[in-house]
Amino acid sequence: MNDLSEHAPPGTVRSVPDIMGALGRAARAAAEVLALAAPEQKNRALRAAATCVRARRHKVLAANVRDVRAASDSGISGALIDRLALDEKRIEAMACALEDIERLPDPIGTVLAEWRRPNGMRIERRRVPLGVIGIIYESRPNVTADAGGLCLKSGNAVILRGGSESMHSNAAIHACLDEGLKVAGLPSGCIQLVPTTDRAAVGYMLAEMADTFDVIVPRGGKSLVARVQREARVPVIGHLEGVCHVYVHRAASLPMAEAVVLNAKMRRTGVCGAAETLLVDRAAAATHLGPLVLRLLEAGCEVRGDEPTQRIDARVRAATETDWSSEYLDAIIAVRVVEDLDAAIAHIEKYGSQHTDCIITEDGAAAEAFLARVDSAIVLHNASTQFADGGEFGMGAEIGISTDKIHARGPVGVEQLTSYKYLVRGTGQTRD
């Protein structure tokens, strides 16, 4: 077991129950403080954390180099390396995200509705934190900053469990968040990082900490999310996979379709909003299919297609039934010609994951039908699926994209990390 904690006596290795128990107690105590913290105190912590990220960027980069080198040596795929790697631009984006979160309106205490009953009682529905959140994630070190910042702003204590492949990067980023808490006079228990890479820590979080966590959010590969959803003893906010589609309608502009499809697939292939399937309307196939497939091939994307798509170029591989429901998270895309709008929607309903889907068309009626009928968390018209991101939605950042239909759906930002309670004020009323 690798224990990165600085709190154990020299030469000792604490057990997972000891480590997690201490984290849980600290988080519960911090949650009580944080729920009542003034907005400016939380904002001060976020500003200080952003400043610290910039000031310590060389330390963060050095830690990340260690993680990337170890990941490369272990044979991790290029797509996962891209998720793991940091550079000056990505570190600046982390700092900016913390500042964006700081500028958001504070949700806690917001009155969502209020009314008076005939008996004179006044009822108010007010936004409150969830309490203590557990976040289990893989690869992406920026999740440490984004998740810590969002939980802080929404008044929740959080225990972060990053992947072993990013342990040094996560620790360096967490140190900046902890510095922000100190500057603001908030307890370090508000944002904690599990200090061990022992895999038993994840199992302990899921099975033994129901009294600590109010919700768990998984962010990572399909196997991780499936395990969390299967084993967690508290509510889970998450999505299993992002099988995202771009449908090129018969009334699509070819230049727009080329630009959007290429961006949706190739901007970053390892994100959950990357397009995995391209559907082309049969009425547009003669003019649009060839240019779209060639642009993808020229960009280094492997294309797996149906028979009409295979006829475009010898480099196109035959698609199998599995391809239509695959989340590649790599430079691979499945391409199919569909009869019409109805067939495209039927395909998405059968093979999609209700994550993010897009239509490209100049036909307003077709666009509105697609937007209304496709039952996904995010549905776009004439825009890349890579906009499936809380930061791009103006939410500062996100913990992930939820495909749940209860509580939170789509980007999980500050408001999605809250609940509400009812405050009832009377003057001695009793019920008949």
Foldseek 3Di string as FASTA:
>chain_A
DFFQDPPDPPPDDDDLCVLVVVLLVLQQVLLVVLQPDDLVLLLQLLLQLLVLLVVCVVQLQVLLVVLLVVCVVVPPDPLLSVQQHDDPVVSNLLSQLSNLLSPDPQQFQDWPDWDADPQGKIKTKTWTFLEEEEEEEERHLSLLSQVLSQCSSLSYAYEYEYAPSNLSSNVSSLVSSQVSCVVSVGDSSSYHYRRDNPPVNVVCQAAPVPVRHQEYEYYYALVRVVVSVVRHPHHYFYFNAQAEEEEEALAFDQVLVLVQLCCLCPVRLQARLRHAEYEYAPNCCVPRLLVNLVSLVVVVAAEAEDPSNCVSDVSHHHDDPVSLQDSPSDRYHYYYYAHHLVRVLVSCVVRGRLAEYEYGHPDPVSQVVQVVRRRHLYYYYSHHSVCQFCVSVSQSGASHAGRDPPQDHGGHGNSSSIDIDMDMDDDPDDDD
